[in-house]
């Protein structure tokens, strides 16, 4: 994990994950950012992630790979993306430089997302609010991103 010192306070380690559905609806979001000084306001993470969706759409047309790697960088924070075959986009706002771990994280969450969206009772483009999904995403994030 990378920490940058700003003045006397240590800068926060930014780590925010989100899943955006086909219609642009936020299906899931989790913030694992560490304690520290943040110079941006509330909602900045979500705005940055949603703002990168246009770049994700462009890159998705240019490659056959679902993992699009870093699609945008802003204030030392990278936005990595993974576009599913169904059109959902997984986004990770981070300061990590470990591409393989991010790819493995996205791959495992993708498998979990397929199961969650295949549920016949799941409503299309509605937030995923299953405790089992949340617990599994937390476990996967600890395995690859917060170890």
Protein backbone atom coordinates (compact mmCIF):
# COMPACT_ATOMS: atom_id res chain seq x y z
CA UNK A 1 0.00 0.00 0.00
CA UNK A 2 1.23 3.44 -0.87
CA UNK A 3 1.06 6.36 1.52
CA UNK A 4 2.12 9.85 0.58
CA UNK A 5 2.95 12.43 3.24
CA UNK A 6 1.21 15.77 2.82
CA UNK A 7 2.36 18.35 5.37
CA UNK A 8 2.12 16.69 8.78
CA UNK A 9 -0.88 14.48 8.07
CA UNK A 10 -0.51 11.25 6.13
CA UNK A 11 -2.56 11.07 2.93
CA UNK A 12 -5.29 8.46 2.83
CA UNK A 13 -4.82 5.21 0.95
CA UNK A 14 -7.68 5.31 -1.57
CA UNK A 15 -9.41 2.03 -2.44
CA UNK A 16 -13.00 2.25 -3.72
CA UNK A 17 -14.82 -0.46 -5.68
CA UNK A 18 -18.04 -0.10 -7.64
CA UNK A 19 -20.20 -2.03 -10.08
CA UNK A 20 -22.23 -0.07 -12.61
CA UNK A 21 -25.08 -1.73 -14.53
CA UNK A 22 -26.01 -1.35 -18.20
CA UNK A 23 -28.25 1.62 -17.55
CA UNK A 24 -25.64 3.49 -15.52
CA UNK A 25 -27.14 2.45 -12.20
CA UNK A 26 -24.72 1.89 -9.33
CA UNK A 27 -25.32 -1.75 -8.40
CA UNK A 28 -22.72 -2.02 -5.66
CA UNK A 29 -20.09 0.15 -3.99
CA UNK A 30 -17.63 -0.39 -1.19
CA UNK A 31 -15.00 1.98 0.21
CA UNK A 32 -11.94 0.36 1.79
CA UNK A 33 -9.91 3.57 1.90
CA UNK A 34 -7.58 3.91 4.84
CA UNK A 35 -7.59 6.66 7.41
CA UNK A 36 -5.71 9.79 6.56
CA UNK A 37 -6.03 13.23 5.10
CA UNK A 38 -8.19 13.63 1.97
CA UNK A 39 -8.29 16.89 0.09
CA UNK A 40 -11.31 16.00 -2.02
CA UNK A 41 -14.92 16.39 -0.98
CA UNK A 42 -17.62 13.81 -0.36
CA UNK A 43 -18.78 12.11 -3.53
CA UNK A 44 -15.49 12.72 -5.32
CA UNK A 45 -14.74 9.00 -5.62
CA UNK A 46 -18.10 8.21 -7.17
CA UNK A 47 -17.89 11.20 -9.55
CA UNK A 48 -14.42 10.16 -10.69
CA UNK A 49 -15.51 6.57 -11.24
CA UNK A 50 -18.68 7.53 -13.14
CA UNK A 51 -16.68 10.05 -15.15
CA UNK A 52 -14.41 7.27 -16.39
CA UNK A 53 -17.30 5.29 -17.92
CA UNK A 54 -16.90 7.06 -21.28
CA UNK A 55 -13.25 6.04 -21.43
CA UNK A 56 -14.23 2.49 -20.46
CA UNK A 57 -16.74 2.36 -23.33
CA UNK A 58 -14.09 3.53 -25.81
CA UNK A 59 -11.49 1.03 -24.58
CA UNK A 60 -14.02 -1.82 -24.56
CA UNK A 61 -14.53 -1.34 -28.32
CA UNK A 62 -10.78 -1.40 -28.94
CA UNK A 63 -10.04 -4.73 -27.22
CA UNK A 64 -11.45 -8.22 -26.74
CA UNK A 65 -10.23 -8.35 -23.14
CA UNK A 66 -12.70 -7.82 -20.32
CA UNK A 67 -9.97 -6.46 -18.06
CA UNK A 68 -9.18 -2.98 -19.35
CA UNK A 69 -6.41 -2.18 -16.83
CA UNK A 70 -5.98 1.50 -15.83
CA UNK A 71 -8.39 3.63 -17.85
CA UNK A 72 -7.84 6.97 -16.14
CA UNK A 73 -5.57 8.67 -13.60
CA UNK A 74 -6.46 11.66 -11.44
CA UNK A 75 -4.48 13.09 -8.49
CA UNK A 76 -2.28 9.99 -8.14
CA UNK A 77 -5.37 7.75 -8.12
CA UNK A 78 -5.90 5.24 -10.90
CA UNK A 79 -9.24 3.92 -12.11
CA UNK A 80 -9.02 0.31 -13.28
CA UNK A 81 -11.94 -1.27 -15.12
CA UNK A 82 -13.39 -4.64 -16.03
CA UNK A 83 -16.27 -4.81 -18.53
CA UNK A 84 -18.48 -7.91 -18.39
CA UNK A 85 -20.09 -9.59 -21.40
CA UNK A 86 -23.49 -8.43 -20.11
CA UNK A 87 -22.33 -4.79 -20.16
CA UNK A 88 -21.80 -4.25 -16.44
CA UNK A 89 -18.65 -2.33 -15.54
CA UNK A 90 -16.57 -2.96 -12.45
CA UNK A 91 -14.40 -0.02 -11.41
CA UNK A 92 -11.64 0.23 -8.83
CA UNK A 93 -10.25 3.58 -7.69
CA UNK A 94 -6.83 2.91 -6.17
CA UNK A 95 -3.19 3.85 -5.69
CA UNK A 96 -1.92 0.28 -6.09
CA UNK A 97 0.59 -0.67 -8.76
CA UNK A 98 -0.05 -4.42 -8.61
CA UNK A 99 -1.85 -5.14 -11.87
CA UNK A 100 -2.01 -8.93 -11.42
CA UNK A 101 -3.74 -8.68 -8.04
CA UNK A 102 -6.29 -6.22 -9.43
CA UNK A 103 -6.99 -8.52 -12.39
CA UNK A 104 -7.45 -11.53 -10.10
CA UNK A 105 -9.76 -9.50 -7.83
CA UNK A 106 -11.92 -8.49 -10.81
CA UNK A 107 -12.02 -12.07 -12.12
CA UNK A 108 -13.25 -13.53 -8.84
CA UNK A 109 -15.82 -10.78 -8.31
CA UNK A 110 -16.98 -11.31 -11.91
CA UNK A 111 -17.79 -14.96 -11.14
CA UNK A 112 -19.68 -13.83 -8.05
CA UNK A 113 -21.54 -11.14 -10.03
CA UNK A 114 -22.67 -13.68 -12.64
CA UNK A 115 -24.19 -15.81 -9.87
CA UNK A 116 -25.88 -12.81 -8.25
CA UNK A 117 -27.37 -11.52 -11.52
CA UNK A 118 -28.44 -15.02 -12.61
CA UNK A 119 -30.74 -15.24 -9.60
CA UNK A 120 -34.29 -15.34 -10.99
CA UNK A 121 -35.45 -13.03 -8.20
CA UNK A 122 -32.78 -10.38 -8.90
CA UNK A 123 -34.24 -7.23 -10.44
CA UNK A 124 -32.39 -5.81 -13.44
CA UNK A 125 -30.36 -2.64 -12.75
CA UNK A 126 -31.20 -2.66 -9.04
CA UNK A 127 -28.55 -2.43 -6.30
CA UNK A 128 -27.19 -5.76 -5.07
CA UNK A 129 -28.03 -5.91 -1.39
CA UNK A 130 -27.37 -9.54 -0.51
CA UNK A 131 -25.36 -10.06 2.71
CA UNK A 132 -23.68 -13.15 1.19
CA UNK A 133 -22.53 -11.12 -1.83
CA UNK A 134 -21.17 -8.39 0.46
CA UNK A 135 -19.33 -10.92 2.64
CA UNK A 136 -17.77 -12.65 -0.36
CA UNK A 137 -16.63 -9.36 -1.95
CA UNK A 138 -15.07 -8.38 1.39
CA UNK A 139 -13.24 -11.72 1.52
CA UNK A 140 -11.96 -11.37 -2.06
CA UNK A 141 -10.79 -7.81 -1.41
CA UNK A 142 -8.82 -8.94 1.64
CA UNK A 143 -7.28 -11.74 -0.39
CA UNK A 144 -6.01 -9.51 -3.24
CA UNK A 145 -6.23 -5.83 -2.37
CA UNK A 146 -5.95 -5.40 1.38
CA UNK A 147 -3.50 -8.17 2.29
